[in-house]
Amino acid sequence: MDGERLQFPDNSFDMVYLHGVLQYTANAVQMLNEAKRVLRPGGHAVLMVYNRISWLNLLRQLTNVALEHEDAPVIRKYSIGELKKMIRIFPRVRLVVERFPVKTGLHKGAKALVYNGLFVGTFNTLPKFLVRRFGWHIMAFAEK
């Protein structure tokens, strides 16, 4: 079903789950309006978007290694401020930035040493208050 034009009556659901969905639609604001429309009063929306100002996006730009789904017809990354502006249609919202770098077996040789040893090690030793806003995912928990 088209998330920008849901075929459900108003106030149909207690929860709408949009994890990794908004960044792949042509009109995210319209999709959020639909999510709110189909939520019952007091209902909850849980959503996640990619953080444009994140460690992974920076690393992608520095290494010129494509991220998954970058070939999608539509893909958009959001800053925390941009997401806040979009979800202000909900009266109560809580944002959580998450998904921090962890060691991976995807890389070998020098790339693995730099990523797993230097980058992940350094990032994870920094105080969380300095790096919290640079997580790859921005989660939003909203209530209608």
Protein backbone atom coordinates (compact mmCIF):
# COMPACT_ATOMS: atom_id res chain seq x y z
CA MET A 1 0.00 0.00 0.00
CA ASP A 2 1.18 3.53 -0.66
CA GLY A 3 2.25 4.98 2.69
CA GLU A 4 1.47 8.48 1.46
CA ARG A 5 -2.18 7.50 0.83
CA LEU A 6 -3.15 4.85 3.38
CA GLN A 7 -6.44 3.07 2.72
CA PHE A 8 -7.50 2.96 6.37
CA PRO A 9 -10.08 5.06 8.19
CA ASP A 10 -9.00 7.81 10.57
CA ASN A 11 -8.09 6.72 14.12
CA SER A 12 -7.63 3.04 13.18
CA PHE A 13 -4.43 2.01 14.99
CA ASP A 14 -2.80 2.16 18.40
CA MET A 15 0.66 2.15 16.82
CA VAL A 16 2.33 3.01 13.53
CA TYR A 17 5.87 1.70 12.97
CA LEU A 18 7.99 3.52 10.36
CA HIS A 19 11.47 2.13 11.00
CA GLY A 20 13.62 2.89 7.95
CA VAL A 21 10.68 3.94 5.79
CA LEU A 22 10.54 7.75 5.61
CA GLN A 23 13.91 8.11 3.89
CA TYR A 24 12.66 6.08 0.91
CA THR A 25 9.47 8.00 0.13
CA ALA A 26 9.09 10.96 -2.19
CA ASN A 27 7.02 12.89 0.34
CA ALA A 28 7.97 12.13 3.94
CA VAL A 29 5.77 14.91 5.34
CA GLN A 30 2.72 13.41 3.62
CA MET A 31 3.59 9.96 4.99
CA LEU A 32 3.86 11.39 8.51
CA ASN A 33 0.51 13.13 8.09
CA GLU A 34 -1.02 9.79 7.07
CA ALA A 35 0.59 8.04 10.04
CA LYS A 36 -0.91 10.62 12.39
CA ARG A 37 -4.29 10.43 10.66
CA VAL A 38 -4.63 6.67 11.13
CA LEU A 39 -3.46 6.77 14.76
CA ARG A 40 -6.07 6.77 17.49
CA PRO A 41 -5.85 9.58 20.06
CA GLY A 42 -3.09 8.55 22.46
CA GLY A 43 -1.62 6.24 19.80
CA HIS A 44 2.12 5.97 19.26
CA ALA A 45 4.31 6.36 16.19
CA VAL A 46 7.81 4.89 16.20
CA LEU A 47 10.10 5.91 13.39
CA MET A 48 13.73 5.88 12.36
CA VAL A 49 15.58 7.86 9.71
CA TYR A 50 19.22 7.96 8.71
CA ASN A 51 21.21 10.75 10.32
CA ARG A 52 22.83 12.94 7.65
CA ILE A 53 25.29 14.33 10.20
CA SER A 54 26.56 10.94 11.41
CA TRP A 55 29.81 9.06 11.80
CA LEU A 56 28.79 6.61 9.06
CA ASN A 57 27.90 9.31 6.56
CA LEU A 58 31.23 11.05 7.20
CA LEU A 59 33.13 7.77 6.86
CA ARG A 60 31.28 7.06 3.61
CA GLN A 61 32.37 10.41 2.22
CA LEU A 62 35.99 9.98 3.34
CA THR A 63 36.35 6.44 1.98
CA ASN A 64 34.06 6.80 -1.05
CA VAL A 65 32.43 3.48 -0.12
CA ALA A 66 28.70 3.40 -0.91
CA LEU A 67 26.23 2.65 1.83
CA GLU A 68 23.54 0.04 1.33
CA HIS A 69 20.46 1.21 -0.53
CA GLU A 70 22.16 4.30 -1.98
CA ASP A 71 20.93 3.12 -5.37
CA ALA A 72 17.27 3.35 -4.26
CA PRO A 73 15.06 5.59 -6.43
CA VAL A 74 14.59 7.89 -3.41
CA ILE A 75 16.86 8.07 -0.36
CA ARG A 76 17.15 10.99 1.97
CA LYS A 77 19.11 11.46 5.17
CA TYR A 78 17.95 13.94 7.80
CA SER A 79 19.61 16.10 10.42
CA ILE A 80 18.15 16.08 13.92
CA GLY A 81 16.74 19.56 13.30
CA GLU A 82 15.09 18.52 10.04
CA LEU A 83 13.41 15.55 11.70
CA LYS A 84 12.26 17.70 14.63
CA LYS A 85 10.65 20.11 12.18
CA MET A 86 8.86 17.30 10.30
CA ILE A 87 7.43 15.59 13.38
CA ARG A 88 6.19 18.69 15.14
CA ILE A 89 2.72 17.63 13.94
CA PHE A 90 2.72 15.33 16.98
CA PRO A 91 2.15 16.98 20.36
CA ARG A 92 4.61 14.73 22.24
CA VAL A 93 7.89 13.55 20.74
CA ARG A 94 11.11 12.05 22.08
CA LEU A 95 14.21 11.68 19.89
CA VAL A 96 16.99 9.17 20.46
CA VAL A 97 20.12 9.05 18.33
CA GLU A 98 21.62 5.57 18.16
CA ARG A 99 23.70 3.06 16.18
CA PHE A 100 27.31 3.71 16.92
CA PRO A 101 30.32 2.06 15.27
CA VAL A 102 31.19 -1.52 16.22
CA LYS A 103 33.99 -3.77 15.01
CA THR A 104 33.21 -5.59 11.79
CA GLY A 105 34.57 -8.55 9.87
CA LEU A 106 33.65 -6.96 6.54
CA HIS A 107 37.03 -5.31 6.14
CA LYS A 108 40.43 -6.99 5.79
CA GLY A 109 44.04 -5.86 6.05
CA ALA A 110 44.89 -2.20 6.59
CA LYS A 111 41.27 -1.09 6.22
CA ALA A 112 40.25 -3.45 9.04
CA LEU A 113 43.07 -2.18 11.27
CA VAL A 114 42.14 1.44 10.70
CA TYR A 115 38.38 0.94 11.03
CA ASN A 116 38.21 -1.67 13.82
CA GLY A 117 41.25 -0.52 15.78
CA LEU A 118 41.65 3.18 15.30
CA PHE A 119 38.22 4.50 14.36
CA VAL A 120 35.92 2.26 16.44
CA GLY A 121 38.31 2.31 19.39
CA THR A 122 38.66 6.09 19.36
CA PHE A 123 34.96 6.79 18.78
CA ASN A 124 33.91 4.55 21.65
CA THR A 125 36.36 6.09 24.12
CA LEU A 126 35.01 9.60 23.55
CA PRO A 127 32.49 10.86 26.11
CA LYS A 128 28.96 10.01 24.96
CA PHE A 129 27.79 13.61 25.34
CA LEU A 130 30.26 14.57 22.58
CA VAL A 131 29.30 11.84 20.10
CA ARG A 132 25.66 11.06 20.90
CA ARG A 133 24.32 13.30 18.11
CA PHE A 134 26.44 11.54 15.47
CA GLY A 135 24.76 8.12 15.60
CA TRP A 136 23.62 6.65 12.28
CA HIS A 137 19.94 6.35 13.26
CA ILE A 138 17.63 9.00 14.62
CA MET A 139 14.71 7.35 16.38
CA ALA A 140 11.52 9.27 17.12
CA PHE A 141 8.85 8.17 19.55
CA ALA A 142 5.70 10.25 19.08
CA GLU A 143 2.26 10.25 20.64
CA LYS A 144 -0.91 11.61 19.05
